[in-house]
N, C-alpha and C. Protein backbone atom coordinates (compact mmCIF):
# COMPACT_ATOMS: atom_id res chain seq x y z
N MET A 1 -14.24 11.81 -13.51
CA MET A 1 -13.63 12.37 -12.53
C MET A 1 -14.29 12.73 -11.13
N GLN A 2 -15.47 13.10 -11.00
CA GLN A 2 -16.22 13.64 -10.30
C GLN A 2 -16.33 12.16 -9.10
N SER A 3 -16.65 11.42 -10.03
CA SER A 3 -17.08 9.69 -8.70
C SER A 3 -15.21 9.62 -8.17
N TYR A 4 -14.09 10.03 -8.96
CA TYR A 4 -13.25 9.52 -7.79
C TYR A 4 -12.88 11.03 -6.87
N VAL A 5 -13.48 11.82 -6.93
CA VAL A 5 -13.24 13.25 -5.98
C VAL A 5 -14.35 12.49 -5.00
N LYS A 6 -15.22 11.99 -4.87
CA LYS A 6 -16.06 11.33 -3.93
C LYS A 6 -15.49 10.75 -3.25
N LYS A 7 -14.60 9.67 -4.20
CA LYS A 7 -14.09 8.17 -3.32
C LYS A 7 -13.31 8.90 -2.58
N ILE A 8 -12.22 9.96 -2.91
CA ILE A 8 -11.09 10.19 -2.49
C ILE A 8 -11.99 11.11 -1.32
N LEU A 9 -12.78 11.56 -0.85
CA LEU A 9 -13.02 12.37 0.21
C LEU A 9 -13.43 11.21 1.26
N THR A 10 -14.36 10.61 1.14
CA THR A 10 -14.57 9.50 1.42
C THR A 10 -14.04 7.82 1.88
N ALA A 11 -12.72 8.18 1.78
CA ALA A 11 -11.50 7.11 1.34
C ALA A 11 -11.47 6.77 2.84
N ARG A 12 -11.82 5.74 3.49
CA ARG A 12 -11.10 5.26 5.20
C ARG A 12 -9.98 4.99 5.59
N VAL A 13 -9.06 6.01 5.53
CA VAL A 13 -7.62 5.99 5.10
C VAL A 13 -7.22 6.16 7.05
N TYR A 14 -8.59 7.48 7.50
CA TYR A 14 -7.55 7.43 8.96
C TYR A 14 -7.99 6.78 10.20
N ASP A 15 -8.60 5.73 9.65
CA ASP A 15 -8.18 4.18 10.23
C ASP A 15 -7.03 3.44 10.69
N VAL A 16 -6.17 3.81 9.75
CA VAL A 16 -5.13 3.60 10.25
C VAL A 16 -3.71 4.80 9.93
N ALA A 17 -3.83 5.50 8.89
CA ALA A 17 -3.09 6.63 8.75
C ALA A 17 -3.29 8.08 9.49
N ILE A 18 -2.15 8.46 9.92
CA ILE A 18 -1.90 9.70 10.71
C ILE A 18 -2.53 10.58 9.32
N GLU A 19 -3.15 11.73 9.51
CA GLU A 19 -3.17 13.36 9.23
C GLU A 19 -1.79 13.86 9.13
N SER A 20 -1.30 13.22 8.36
CA SER A 20 0.34 14.10 8.26
C SER A 20 0.16 16.05 7.74
N PRO A 21 1.08 16.41 8.35
CA PRO A 21 1.11 18.06 8.15
C PRO A 21 2.22 18.47 7.05
N LEU A 22 1.36 19.52 6.48
CA LEU A 22 1.93 19.94 5.48
C LEU A 22 3.17 20.94 5.88
N ASP A 23 4.34 21.34 5.58
CA ASP A 23 5.72 21.84 5.74
C ASP A 23 5.92 22.52 4.90
N HIS A 24 5.97 24.12 4.94
CA HIS A 24 6.42 24.83 4.21
C HIS A 24 8.20 24.90 4.19
N LEU A 25 8.43 24.97 2.93
CA LEU A 25 9.66 25.12 2.37
C LEU A 25 10.62 26.27 1.95
N PRO A 26 10.86 27.06 2.55
CA PRO A 26 11.14 28.61 2.45
C PRO A 26 12.29 28.51 1.45
N ARG A 27 13.11 27.46 1.71
CA ARG A 27 14.65 28.03 0.69
C ARG A 27 13.88 27.83 -0.44
N LEU A 28 13.15 26.62 -0.71
CA LEU A 28 12.53 26.05 -2.12
C LEU A 28 11.87 27.08 -2.62
N SER A 29 10.74 27.28 -1.88
CA SER A 29 9.69 28.21 -2.22
C SER A 29 10.61 29.64 -2.43
N ARG A 30 11.78 30.39 -2.30
CA ARG A 30 12.40 31.56 -2.30
C ARG A 30 13.02 31.41 -3.92
N ARG A 31 13.58 29.90 -3.74
CA ARG A 31 14.09 29.53 -5.52
C ARG A 31 13.30 29.68 -6.65
N LEU A 32 11.90 28.90 -6.42
CA LEU A 32 11.26 29.58 -7.37
C LEU A 32 10.01 29.94 -7.39
N ASP A 33 10.22 30.86 -6.53
CA ASP A 33 9.92 32.26 -6.42
C ASP A 33 7.55 31.94 -6.28
N ASN A 34 7.53 30.90 -5.21
CA ASN A 34 6.61 30.13 -5.08
C ASN A 34 6.26 29.91 -3.65
N ARG A 35 4.92 29.70 -3.43
CA ARG A 35 5.21 28.47 -1.88
C ARG A 35 4.80 27.55 -2.01
N ILE A 36 5.97 26.53 -1.93
CA ILE A 36 6.48 25.13 -2.14
C ILE A 36 6.02 24.69 -0.14
N MET A 37 4.81 23.93 -0.70
CA MET A 37 4.48 22.50 0.56
C MET A 37 5.10 21.51 0.44
N LEU A 38 5.39 20.80 1.70
CA LEU A 38 5.53 19.10 1.46
C LEU A 38 4.51 18.58 2.69
N LYS A 39 4.06 17.65 1.79
CA LYS A 39 3.23 16.44 2.32
C LYS A 39 4.00 15.75 3.10
N ARG A 40 4.14 15.56 4.37
CA ARG A 40 4.65 14.94 4.94
C ARG A 40 4.42 13.05 5.26
N GLU A 41 3.88 12.54 4.18
CA GLU A 41 3.80 11.16 4.99
C GLU A 41 4.88 10.10 5.13
N ASP A 42 5.80 10.55 4.90
CA ASP A 42 7.25 10.01 5.78
C ASP A 42 7.10 10.16 7.00
N LEU A 43 5.67 10.05 7.61
CA LEU A 43 5.18 10.28 9.64
C LEU A 43 4.52 9.24 9.16
N GLN A 44 4.12 8.38 8.04
CA GLN A 44 2.92 7.15 8.40
C GLN A 44 3.63 6.14 8.94
N PRO A 45 2.78 5.54 9.61
CA PRO A 45 3.17 3.96 10.09
C PRO A 45 4.29 3.06 9.71
N VAL A 46 3.89 3.14 8.20
CA VAL A 46 5.20 2.88 7.23
C VAL A 46 6.11 3.64 6.28
N PHE A 47 5.99 4.79 6.97
CA PHE A 47 7.06 5.63 6.03
C PHE A 47 6.55 5.88 4.73
N SER A 48 4.83 5.94 4.17
CA SER A 48 4.70 6.06 2.72
C SER A 48 3.54 6.07 2.76
N PHE A 49 2.90 6.91 1.72
CA PHE A 49 1.44 7.26 0.98
C PHE A 49 0.70 5.90 0.90
N LYS A 50 1.72 5.01 0.71
CA LYS A 50 0.84 3.63 -0.27
C LYS A 50 -0.12 2.91 1.24
N LEU A 51 0.44 2.74 2.38
CA LEU A 51 -0.61 2.84 3.65
C LEU A 51 -2.07 2.85 3.42
N ARG A 52 -2.47 4.27 2.61
CA ARG A 52 -3.87 4.51 2.32
C ARG A 52 -4.28 3.75 1.53
N GLY A 53 -3.11 3.61 -0.05
CA GLY A 53 -4.28 3.16 -0.74
C GLY A 53 -4.98 1.92 -0.54
N ALA A 54 -3.61 1.33 -0.04
CA ALA A 54 -3.54 -0.31 0.52
C ALA A 54 -4.69 -0.92 1.28
N TYR A 55 -4.93 0.16 2.53
CA TYR A 55 -5.95 0.30 3.54
C TYR A 55 -7.50 0.63 2.90
N ASN A 56 -7.57 1.71 1.96
CA ASN A 56 -8.57 1.98 1.84
C ASN A 56 -9.04 0.80 0.57
N LYS A 57 -8.67 -0.07 0.02
CA LYS A 57 -8.75 -1.03 -0.93
C LYS A 57 -8.82 -2.56 0.07
N ILE A 58 -8.28 -2.39 0.97
CA ILE A 58 -8.71 -4.06 1.80
C ILE A 58 -9.91 -3.55 2.61
N ALA A 59 -10.02 -2.47 2.97
CA ALA A 59 -11.28 -1.88 4.15
C ALA A 59 -12.64 -2.18 3.11
N SER A 60 -12.45 -1.76 2.08
CA SER A 60 -13.77 -1.96 0.77
C SER A 60 -14.30 -3.30 0.41
N LEU A 61 -13.49 -4.53 0.91
CA LEU A 61 -13.40 -5.68 0.50
C LEU A 61 -14.84 -6.12 1.62
N PRO A 62 -15.65 -7.28 0.81
CA PRO A 62 -16.44 -7.73 1.14
C PRO A 62 -15.98 -8.92 2.51
N ALA A 63 -16.75 -9.11 3.47
CA ALA A 63 -16.15 -10.07 4.36
C ALA A 63 -16.19 -11.24 3.56
N GLU A 64 -16.27 -11.94 3.14
CA GLU A 64 -16.01 -13.31 2.29
C GLU A 64 -14.67 -12.98 1.54
N LEU A 65 -14.39 -11.98 1.30
CA LEU A 65 -13.17 -11.93 0.65
C LEU A 65 -11.97 -11.67 1.08
N LEU A 66 -12.25 -10.85 2.67
CA LEU A 66 -11.61 -10.73 3.50
C LEU A 66 -11.21 -12.02 4.40
N ALA A 67 -12.05 -12.88 4.33
CA ALA A 67 -11.46 -13.95 5.23
C ALA A 67 -10.84 -14.92 4.46
N LYS A 68 -10.41 -14.81 2.85
CA LYS A 68 -9.90 -15.42 2.49
C LYS A 68 -8.23 -15.44 2.09
N GLY A 69 -8.05 -13.63 2.66
CA GLY A 69 -7.09 -13.42 2.50
C GLY A 69 -6.85 -12.41 0.85
N VAL A 70 -5.60 -11.33 1.11
CA VAL A 70 -5.02 -10.49 -0.06
C VAL A 70 -3.91 -10.75 -0.20
N ILE A 71 -3.17 -10.62 -1.50
CA ILE A 71 -1.88 -10.80 -1.91
C ILE A 71 -1.59 -9.66 -2.95
N CYS A 72 -0.48 -9.32 -2.98
CA CYS A 72 0.27 -8.25 -3.36
C CYS A 72 1.64 -8.37 -4.56
N ALA A 73 2.31 -8.17 -5.24
CA ALA A 73 3.70 -7.98 -5.91
C ALA A 73 4.06 -6.33 -4.95
N SER A 74 5.03 -6.90 -4.70
CA SER A 74 6.02 -5.57 -4.38
C SER A 74 7.31 -6.01 -3.37
N ALA A 75 8.32 -4.97 -3.48
CA ALA A 75 9.71 -5.07 -2.84
C ALA A 75 9.71 -3.86 -2.17
N GLY A 76 8.35 -3.45 -1.34
CA GLY A 76 8.87 -2.04 -0.74
C GLY A 76 7.71 -1.55 -0.35
N ASN A 77 7.41 -0.02 -0.14
CA ASN A 77 6.07 0.45 0.38
C ASN A 77 5.06 0.01 0.39
N HIS A 78 4.56 -0.67 -0.98
CA HIS A 78 3.22 -1.05 -0.98
C HIS A 78 3.10 -2.00 0.01
N ALA A 79 4.25 -2.95 -0.28
CA ALA A 79 3.94 -4.18 0.53
C ALA A 79 4.39 -4.02 2.10
N GLN A 80 4.73 -2.83 2.58
CA GLN A 80 4.54 -2.41 4.25
C GLN A 80 3.14 -2.87 4.51
N GLY A 81 2.69 -1.63 3.10
CA GLY A 81 1.13 -1.03 3.18
C GLY A 81 0.12 -2.14 3.63
N VAL A 82 0.09 -2.86 2.59
CA VAL A 82 -0.72 -3.70 2.92
C VAL A 82 -0.83 -5.13 3.83
N ALA A 83 0.53 -5.16 3.98
CA ALA A 83 0.70 -5.91 5.27
C ALA A 83 0.30 -5.04 6.58
N LEU A 84 0.51 -4.41 6.89
CA LEU A 84 -0.46 -3.26 8.13
C LEU A 84 -1.94 -3.45 7.57
N ALA A 85 -2.12 -2.88 6.72
CA ALA A 85 -3.41 -3.09 6.39
C ALA A 85 -4.34 -4.20 6.60
N ALA A 86 -3.87 -5.22 6.24
CA ALA A 86 -4.38 -6.16 6.25
C ALA A 86 -4.14 -6.87 7.71
N ASN A 87 -3.51 -6.74 8.82
CA ASN A 87 -3.14 -7.11 10.00
C ASN A 87 -4.42 -6.35 10.64
N THR A 88 -4.14 -4.97 10.18
CA THR A 88 -5.24 -4.04 11.32
C THR A 88 -6.99 -4.70 10.75
N LEU A 89 -7.25 -5.14 9.56
CA LEU A 89 -8.08 -5.75 9.48
C LEU A 89 -8.32 -6.99 9.63
N GLY A 90 -7.46 -7.61 10.09
CA GLY A 90 -7.69 -9.32 10.51
C GLY A 90 -7.50 -10.05 9.30
N CYS A 91 -6.77 -9.76 8.28
CA CYS A 91 -6.95 -10.61 6.98
C CYS A 91 -5.34 -10.83 6.91
N ARG A 92 -5.48 -11.88 6.34
CA ARG A 92 -4.53 -12.74 5.88
C ARG A 92 -3.57 -11.99 4.17
N ALA A 93 -2.18 -11.64 4.58
CA ALA A 93 -1.30 -11.13 3.65
C ALA A 93 -0.33 -11.57 3.20
N VAL A 94 -0.41 -12.32 1.68
CA VAL A 94 0.86 -12.67 1.00
C VAL A 94 1.45 -11.96 0.07
N ILE A 95 2.60 -11.64 0.26
CA ILE A 95 3.49 -10.59 0.08
C ILE A 95 4.65 -11.26 -0.74
N VAL A 96 4.18 -11.19 -2.15
CA VAL A 96 5.25 -11.44 -3.23
C VAL A 96 6.02 -10.71 -3.45
N MET A 97 7.54 -11.01 -2.68
CA MET A 97 8.32 -10.26 -2.98
C MET A 97 9.74 -11.30 -4.13
N PRO A 98 10.48 -10.10 -5.03
CA PRO A 98 11.56 -9.78 -5.70
C PRO A 98 12.31 -11.16 -4.94
N GLN A 99 13.96 -12.12 -5.23
CA GLN A 99 14.42 -12.49 -4.03
C GLN A 99 15.75 -11.72 -3.63
N THR A 100 15.78 -10.53 -4.45
CA THR A 100 16.77 -9.44 -4.53
C THR A 100 16.00 -8.39 -3.55
N THR A 101 14.88 -8.86 -2.72
CA THR A 101 14.47 -7.83 -2.18
C THR A 101 15.78 -7.67 -0.78
N PRO A 102 15.65 -6.43 -0.73
CA PRO A 102 16.96 -6.10 0.79
C PRO A 102 16.44 -6.27 2.38
N ALA A 103 16.68 -7.61 2.88
CA ALA A 103 16.80 -7.84 4.09
C ALA A 103 15.42 -7.06 5.25
N ILE A 104 16.20 -5.36 5.06
CA ILE A 104 15.29 -5.21 6.10
C ILE A 104 13.51 -4.67 5.62
N LYS A 105 13.44 -4.89 4.15
CA LYS A 105 12.25 -5.02 3.48
C LYS A 105 11.09 -5.82 4.44
N ILE A 106 12.13 -6.71 4.05
CA ILE A 106 11.62 -8.57 3.93
C ILE A 106 11.23 -8.18 5.46
N GLU A 107 12.13 -7.59 6.57
CA GLU A 107 11.68 -8.29 8.17
C GLU A 107 10.49 -7.20 8.06
N SER A 108 10.38 -6.14 7.81
CA SER A 108 9.56 -5.02 7.88
C SER A 108 8.14 -5.57 7.62
N VAL A 109 7.74 -6.41 6.57
CA VAL A 109 6.88 -7.10 6.11
C VAL A 109 6.49 -8.07 6.85
N LYS A 110 7.51 -8.93 7.34
CA LYS A 110 7.23 -10.05 8.17
C LYS A 110 6.53 -9.54 9.25
N ASN A 111 7.29 -8.63 10.44
CA ASN A 111 7.05 -7.64 11.30
C ASN A 111 5.54 -7.10 11.26
N LEU A 112 4.82 -6.66 9.89
CA LEU A 112 3.95 -6.34 9.74
C LEU A 112 2.87 -7.36 10.24
N GLY A 113 3.22 -8.60 9.78
CA GLY A 113 1.77 -9.52 9.61
C GLY A 113 1.85 -10.39 8.33
N GLY A 114 2.86 -9.46 7.62
CA GLY A 114 2.81 -10.33 6.27
C GLY A 114 3.34 -11.90 6.14
N GLU A 115 2.55 -12.56 5.10
CA GLU A 115 3.52 -13.69 4.80
C GLU A 115 4.21 -13.86 3.38
N ILE A 116 5.58 -13.96 3.60
CA ILE A 116 6.62 -13.63 2.05
C ILE A 116 6.70 -14.80 1.39
N VAL A 117 6.68 -14.85 -0.07
CA VAL A 117 7.06 -15.56 -0.85
C VAL A 117 7.83 -14.62 -1.56
N LEU A 118 9.24 -15.25 -1.68
CA LEU A 118 10.26 -14.77 -2.68
C LEU A 118 10.44 -15.61 -3.73
N HIS A 119 10.49 -14.38 -4.92
CA HIS A 119 9.89 -15.22 -6.29
C HIS A 119 10.63 -14.42 -7.51
N GLY A 120 11.48 -14.68 -8.05
CA GLY A 120 12.51 -14.29 -9.36
C GLY A 120 13.30 -13.22 -9.13
N ASP A 121 13.94 -12.79 -9.75
CA ASP A 121 14.74 -11.95 -9.92
C ASP A 121 14.53 -10.14 -10.23
N ALA A 122 12.99 -9.70 -10.38
CA ALA A 122 12.76 -8.45 -10.47
C ALA A 122 10.95 -8.84 -10.64
N PHE A 123 10.78 -7.42 -10.37
CA PHE A 123 9.64 -7.06 -10.09
C PHE A 123 8.52 -8.24 -10.60
N ASP A 124 8.98 -8.21 -11.97
CA ASP A 124 7.94 -8.50 -13.22
C ASP A 124 7.74 -9.95 -12.87
N GLU A 125 8.73 -10.46 -12.45
CA GLU A 125 8.22 -12.40 -12.14
C GLU A 125 7.37 -12.56 -10.62
N ALA A 126 7.95 -11.36 -9.45
CA ALA A 126 7.02 -11.26 -8.81
C ALA A 126 5.77 -11.02 -9.09
N TYR A 127 5.20 -10.10 -9.84
CA TYR A 127 3.84 -10.09 -9.61
C TYR A 127 3.69 -11.04 -10.62
N GLN A 128 3.88 -11.74 -11.68
CA GLN A 128 3.23 -12.82 -12.56
C GLN A 128 3.10 -14.15 -11.37
N HIS A 129 3.67 -13.90 -10.42
CA HIS A 129 3.64 -15.31 -9.55
C HIS A 129 2.52 -14.89 -8.58
N ALA A 130 2.40 -13.30 -8.41
CA ALA A 130 1.32 -12.94 -7.32
C ALA A 130 0.15 -13.77 -8.26
N ARG A 131 -0.14 -12.99 -9.74
CA ARG A 131 -0.86 -13.35 -10.26
C ARG A 131 -1.43 -14.91 -9.87
N GLU A 132 -0.79 -15.96 -10.06
CA GLU A 132 -0.66 -16.82 -10.38
C GLU A 132 -1.36 -17.33 -8.58
N LEU A 133 -0.73 -17.27 -8.06
CA LEU A 133 -1.01 -17.31 -6.40
C LEU A 133 -2.69 -16.96 -6.35
N GLU A 134 -3.15 -15.56 -6.69
CA GLU A 134 -4.14 -15.35 -6.54
C GLU A 134 -5.20 -16.02 -7.04
N SER A 135 -5.14 -16.41 -8.04
CA SER A 135 -6.21 -17.89 -8.48
C SER A 135 -5.92 -19.05 -7.83
N GLN A 136 -5.07 -19.45 -7.45
CA GLN A 136 -4.81 -20.89 -6.81
C GLN A 136 -5.28 -20.88 -5.57
N GLU A 137 -5.32 -19.61 -4.52
CA GLU A 137 -5.60 -19.65 -3.50
C GLU A 137 -6.21 -18.88 -3.42
N ALA A 138 -7.55 -18.14 -4.55
CA ALA A 138 -8.39 -17.42 -4.18
C ALA A 138 -8.54 -16.14 -3.21
N LEU A 139 -7.23 -15.56 -3.66
CA LEU A 139 -6.78 -14.33 -2.78
C LEU A 139 -7.41 -13.01 -3.56
N THR A 140 -7.48 -12.26 -3.02
CA THR A 140 -7.99 -10.64 -3.44
C THR A 140 -6.61 -9.97 -3.90
N PHE A 141 -6.04 -10.02 -5.20
CA PHE A 141 -4.81 -9.10 -5.49
C PHE A 141 -5.21 -7.75 -5.38
N ILE A 142 -4.48 -6.83 -4.77
CA ILE A 142 -3.71 -5.66 -4.50
C ILE A 142 -3.04 -4.79 -5.51
N HIS A 143 -3.71 -4.47 -5.89
CA HIS A 143 -2.55 -3.98 -7.62
C HIS A 143 -2.03 -2.35 -6.56
N PRO A 144 -0.69 -2.13 -6.37
CA PRO A 144 -0.51 -0.83 -6.12
C PRO A 144 -0.52 0.57 -6.54
N PHE A 145 -0.85 0.35 -8.01
CA PHE A 145 -2.08 1.59 -8.13
C PHE A 145 -3.03 1.58 -9.15
N ASP A 146 -2.94 0.75 -9.90
CA ASP A 146 -3.91 0.30 -10.94
C ASP A 146 -5.52 0.29 -10.47
N ASP A 147 -6.18 0.94 -9.34
CA ASP A 147 -7.36 0.31 -8.92
C ASP A 147 -7.95 1.48 -8.56
N PRO A 148 -9.11 1.26 -8.70
CA PRO A 148 -10.28 3.13 -7.93
C PRO A 148 -10.11 2.90 -6.94
N ASP A 149 -9.71 2.09 -6.15
CA ASP A 149 -10.09 2.34 -4.14
C ASP A 149 -8.42 2.53 -4.39
N VAL A 150 -7.63 2.12 -4.60
CA VAL A 150 -6.46 2.15 -4.39
C VAL A 150 -5.62 3.87 -4.38
N ILE A 151 -6.36 4.07 -5.52
CA ILE A 151 -5.94 5.68 -6.24
C ILE A 151 -6.73 6.77 -5.12
N ALA A 152 -8.20 6.44 -4.78
CA ALA A 152 -8.81 7.18 -3.77
C ALA A 152 -8.04 7.24 -2.60
N GLY A 153 -7.60 5.67 -2.52
CA GLY A 153 -7.22 6.30 -0.73
C GLY A 153 -5.84 6.63 -0.72
N GLN A 154 -5.22 6.72 -1.78
CA GLN A 154 -3.50 7.57 -1.70
C GLN A 154 -3.72 9.06 -2.11
N GLY A 155 -5.11 9.19 -2.31
CA GLY A 155 -5.42 10.31 -2.75
C GLY A 155 -4.90 11.77 -3.68
């Protein structure tokens, strides 16, 4: 637990993320008889906290892995976070998305510099394909949540 606290406190998220405000929610606070605060991660460049974890993980990679590029599987916020983080760090980002991904998400990831690969009808198929491409192309897989650097970045 202590190592995670240290990782969180030293995460390099503010190279790309903003320090988002905490807003008091008076009506909900009254209803629950407690002070309720909302962390405004919707104000991040990709409208989500997912940028924090993606950037922290990619920024922690050694130069030789950055030069090869990264890959992830996602149909949404993690995809956008990986694309922006990689673009900011001058790194190739391959984003595997299900074929059912909404066009607006695909365009957003493209606009952030991600290389889109559409595969399968569901996330599990896209995920499996991303893991195959990871090996074939010697890319580093950026997991959306099951990685200590991603967890620390997401705080």
